[in-house]
Amino acid sequence: MELIQNSSELCTLRNGSTAAYHVTIAGDVRNDINVPELIPGQHVQFELAPPFQRKTGGLHVTWENHLGEKQVLDFTLQ
């Protein structure tokens, strides 16, 4: 799983080579995002909160792998 900040307003969550389940993206996003399943190679593009509404300076992504293990990715915005 990889997060890429495309611009000051957009980010993309890129899923690698394994399925991810119960994906949540929280933090400085316009709206929290919940995706039941991301298949390998699938990407999710989303909007960040406007700068004046940002509180954490980052994003927090959680998901479960195919074994049911919880995974976490924290990302600091530029």
N, C-alpha and C. Protein backbone atom coordinates (compact mmCIF):
# COMPACT_ATOMS: atom_id res chain seq x y z
N MET A 1 0.86 -1.15 0.00
CA MET A 1 0.00 0.00 0.00
C MET A 1 0.92 1.23 0.00
N GLU A 2 0.57 2.19 -0.83
CA GLU A 2 1.40 3.38 -0.97
C GLU A 2 0.50 4.60 -1.14
N LEU A 3 0.84 5.68 -0.45
CA LEU A 3 0.13 6.94 -0.59
C LEU A 3 0.99 7.91 -1.37
N ILE A 4 0.39 8.58 -2.33
CA ILE A 4 1.10 9.57 -3.15
C ILE A 4 0.30 10.86 -3.09
N GLN A 5 0.97 11.95 -2.74
CA GLN A 5 0.31 13.26 -2.76
C GLN A 5 0.51 13.85 -4.14
N ASN A 6 -0.57 13.90 -4.93
CA ASN A 6 -0.51 14.38 -6.30
C ASN A 6 -0.39 15.89 -6.38
N SER A 7 -1.04 16.59 -5.46
CA SER A 7 -1.03 18.05 -5.42
C SER A 7 -1.41 18.48 -4.01
N SER A 8 -1.58 19.77 -3.81
CA SER A 8 -1.99 20.23 -2.48
C SER A 8 -3.44 19.86 -2.17
N GLU A 9 -4.17 19.37 -3.17
CA GLU A 9 -5.58 19.04 -3.00
C GLU A 9 -5.93 17.57 -3.21
N LEU A 10 -5.04 16.79 -3.85
CA LEU A 10 -5.36 15.41 -4.21
C LEU A 10 -4.29 14.43 -3.74
N CYS A 11 -4.76 13.24 -3.35
CA CYS A 11 -3.86 12.12 -3.04
C CYS A 11 -4.38 10.87 -3.72
N THR A 12 -3.49 9.90 -3.89
CA THR A 12 -3.87 8.60 -4.43
C THR A 12 -3.33 7.51 -3.52
N LEU A 13 -4.21 6.59 -3.14
CA LEU A 13 -3.81 5.39 -2.41
C LEU A 13 -3.66 4.29 -3.44
N ARG A 14 -2.47 3.73 -3.54
CA ARG A 14 -2.19 2.69 -4.53
C ARG A 14 -2.01 1.35 -3.82
N ASN A 15 -2.78 0.37 -4.26
CA ASN A 15 -2.66 -0.96 -3.69
C ASN A 15 -1.68 -1.78 -4.52
N GLY A 16 -0.81 -2.47 -3.85
CA GLY A 16 0.23 -3.25 -4.52
C GLY A 16 -0.25 -4.59 -5.04
N SER A 17 0.37 -5.64 -4.58
CA SER A 17 0.15 -6.95 -5.19
C SER A 17 -0.77 -7.88 -4.41
N THR A 18 -1.34 -7.44 -3.28
CA THR A 18 -2.24 -8.29 -2.53
C THR A 18 -3.56 -7.56 -2.23
N ALA A 19 -4.60 -8.32 -2.01
CA ALA A 19 -5.90 -7.72 -1.69
C ALA A 19 -5.86 -7.08 -0.31
N ALA A 20 -6.62 -6.00 -0.15
CA ALA A 20 -6.73 -5.31 1.12
C ALA A 20 -8.22 -5.18 1.45
N TYR A 21 -8.57 -5.41 2.71
CA TYR A 21 -9.96 -5.42 3.13
C TYR A 21 -10.21 -4.38 4.21
N HIS A 22 -11.42 -3.84 4.25
CA HIS A 22 -11.83 -2.87 5.28
C HIS A 22 -10.86 -1.69 5.33
N VAL A 23 -10.60 -1.11 4.18
CA VAL A 23 -9.65 0.01 4.08
C VAL A 23 -10.34 1.29 4.55
N THR A 24 -9.68 2.02 5.45
CA THR A 24 -10.18 3.33 5.88
C THR A 24 -9.07 4.36 5.73
N ILE A 25 -9.46 5.53 5.29
CA ILE A 25 -8.54 6.66 5.17
C ILE A 25 -9.13 7.79 6.00
N ALA A 26 -8.37 8.25 6.99
CA ALA A 26 -8.84 9.31 7.88
C ALA A 26 -7.73 10.34 8.03
N GLY A 27 -8.04 11.41 8.72
CA GLY A 27 -7.08 12.51 8.91
C GLY A 27 -7.55 13.71 8.14
N ASP A 28 -6.64 14.35 7.45
CA ASP A 28 -6.95 15.58 6.73
C ASP A 28 -7.51 15.33 5.34
N VAL A 29 -8.56 14.50 5.27
CA VAL A 29 -9.28 14.27 4.02
C VAL A 29 -10.58 15.07 4.05
N ARG A 30 -11.11 15.34 2.87
CA ARG A 30 -12.38 16.08 2.82
C ARG A 30 -13.46 15.31 3.57
N ASN A 31 -13.56 14.01 3.34
CA ASN A 31 -14.47 13.10 4.04
C ASN A 31 -13.73 11.80 4.29
N ASP A 32 -13.93 11.19 5.46
CA ASP A 32 -13.32 9.88 5.71
C ASP A 32 -13.77 8.91 4.63
N ILE A 33 -12.87 8.00 4.26
CA ILE A 33 -13.12 7.08 3.17
C ILE A 33 -13.09 5.65 3.70
N ASN A 34 -14.08 4.86 3.30
CA ASN A 34 -14.15 3.44 3.66
C ASN A 34 -14.35 2.64 2.39
N VAL A 35 -13.47 1.68 2.16
CA VAL A 35 -13.55 0.82 0.98
C VAL A 35 -13.55 -0.63 1.47
N PRO A 36 -14.59 -1.41 1.14
CA PRO A 36 -14.65 -2.79 1.63
C PRO A 36 -13.50 -3.66 1.15
N GLU A 37 -13.09 -3.48 -0.12
CA GLU A 37 -12.02 -4.32 -0.68
C GLU A 37 -11.30 -3.58 -1.80
N LEU A 38 -9.97 -3.66 -1.77
CA LEU A 38 -9.15 -3.17 -2.88
C LEU A 38 -8.43 -4.37 -3.47
N ILE A 39 -8.62 -4.59 -4.74
CA ILE A 39 -7.93 -5.70 -5.40
C ILE A 39 -6.53 -5.25 -5.79
N PRO A 40 -5.62 -6.19 -6.03
CA PRO A 40 -4.26 -5.81 -6.43
C PRO A 40 -4.27 -4.90 -7.66
N GLY A 41 -3.50 -3.84 -7.59
CA GLY A 41 -3.39 -2.90 -8.69
C GLY A 41 -4.47 -1.82 -8.71
N GLN A 42 -5.42 -1.88 -7.80
CA GLN A 42 -6.49 -0.88 -7.76
C GLN A 42 -6.02 0.34 -6.98
N HIS A 43 -6.46 1.52 -7.42
CA HIS A 43 -6.08 2.78 -6.79
C HIS A 43 -7.32 3.57 -6.43
N VAL A 44 -7.20 4.38 -5.37
CA VAL A 44 -8.28 5.25 -4.94
C VAL A 44 -7.73 6.67 -4.90
N GLN A 45 -8.32 7.56 -5.69
CA GLN A 45 -7.93 8.97 -5.65
C GLN A 45 -8.95 9.72 -4.81
N PHE A 46 -8.48 10.65 -3.97
CA PHE A 46 -9.39 11.36 -3.08
C PHE A 46 -8.90 12.77 -2.82
N GLU A 47 -9.82 13.61 -2.37
CA GLU A 47 -9.52 15.01 -2.09
C GLU A 47 -9.11 15.19 -0.63
N LEU A 48 -8.14 16.08 -0.44
CA LEU A 48 -7.74 16.47 0.89
C LEU A 48 -8.65 17.58 1.39
N ALA A 49 -8.71 17.75 2.70
CA ALA A 49 -9.46 18.86 3.28
C ALA A 49 -8.80 20.17 2.85
N PRO A 50 -9.57 21.24 2.74
CA PRO A 50 -8.96 22.55 2.45
C PRO A 50 -7.93 22.89 3.54
N PRO A 51 -6.87 23.60 3.18
CA PRO A 51 -5.81 23.87 4.15
C PRO A 51 -6.29 24.46 5.48
N PHE A 52 -7.29 25.32 5.47
CA PHE A 52 -7.75 25.94 6.71
C PHE A 52 -8.52 24.96 7.61
N GLN A 53 -8.91 23.79 7.08
CA GLN A 53 -9.62 22.78 7.87
C GLN A 53 -8.71 21.63 8.31
N ARG A 54 -7.48 21.63 7.91
CA ARG A 54 -6.56 20.54 8.25
C ARG A 54 -6.12 20.68 9.71
N LYS A 55 -6.17 19.57 10.43
CA LYS A 55 -5.84 19.60 11.85
C LYS A 55 -4.64 18.73 12.20
N THR A 56 -4.46 17.61 11.49
CA THR A 56 -3.42 16.66 11.87
C THR A 56 -2.15 16.79 11.05
N GLY A 57 -2.26 17.36 9.85
CA GLY A 57 -1.10 17.44 8.97
C GLY A 57 -0.76 16.13 8.30
N GLY A 58 -1.69 15.16 8.37
CA GLY A 58 -1.39 13.87 7.77
C GLY A 58 -2.62 13.04 7.53
N LEU A 59 -2.35 11.81 7.08
CA LEU A 59 -3.39 10.83 6.78
C LEU A 59 -3.08 9.56 7.54
N HIS A 60 -4.13 8.83 7.90
CA HIS A 60 -4.00 7.57 8.63
C HIS A 60 -4.80 6.52 7.86
N VAL A 61 -4.11 5.51 7.34
CA VAL A 61 -4.77 4.46 6.55
C VAL A 61 -4.65 3.15 7.31
N THR A 62 -5.78 2.45 7.44
CA THR A 62 -5.77 1.13 8.04
C THR A 62 -6.45 0.14 7.11
N TRP A 63 -6.06 -1.11 7.18
CA TRP A 63 -6.67 -2.17 6.37
C TRP A 63 -6.29 -3.52 6.96
N GLU A 64 -6.91 -4.56 6.45
CA GLU A 64 -6.58 -5.93 6.82
C GLU A 64 -6.07 -6.65 5.59
N ASN A 65 -5.02 -7.46 5.79
CA ASN A 65 -4.52 -8.26 4.68
C ASN A 65 -5.33 -9.55 4.56
N HIS A 66 -4.96 -10.41 3.65
CA HIS A 66 -5.71 -11.64 3.40
C HIS A 66 -5.69 -12.62 4.57
N LEU A 67 -4.77 -12.42 5.52
CA LEU A 67 -4.70 -13.26 6.71
C LEU A 67 -5.48 -12.67 7.89
N GLY A 68 -6.11 -11.51 7.66
CA GLY A 68 -6.85 -10.85 8.72
C GLY A 68 -5.99 -9.99 9.64
N GLU A 69 -4.73 -9.79 9.27
CA GLU A 69 -3.82 -8.97 10.08
C GLU A 69 -4.05 -7.50 9.78
N LYS A 70 -4.16 -6.71 10.84
CA LYS A 70 -4.37 -5.27 10.68
C LYS A 70 -3.06 -4.60 10.29
N GLN A 71 -3.15 -3.69 9.32
CA GLN A 71 -2.00 -2.95 8.82
C GLN A 71 -2.29 -1.46 8.96
N VAL A 72 -1.23 -0.66 9.13
CA VAL A 72 -1.38 0.78 9.32
C VAL A 72 -0.33 1.50 8.48
N LEU A 73 -0.75 2.59 7.86
CA LEU A 73 0.16 3.47 7.12
C LEU A 73 -0.17 4.90 7.51
N ASP A 74 0.80 5.59 8.08
CA ASP A 74 0.65 7.02 8.41
C ASP A 74 1.46 7.81 7.40
N PHE A 75 0.88 8.93 6.95
CA PHE A 75 1.49 9.73 5.88
C PHE A 75 1.42 11.19 6.29
N THR A 76 2.56 11.88 6.22
CA THR A 76 2.62 13.32 6.50
C THR A 76 2.44 14.09 5.21
N LEU A 77 1.50 15.02 5.22
CA LEU A 77 1.24 15.84 4.03
C LEU A 77 2.34 16.87 3.85
N GLN A 78 2.57 17.22 2.61
CA GLN A 78 3.58 18.22 2.26
C GLN A 78 2.98 19.61 2.28
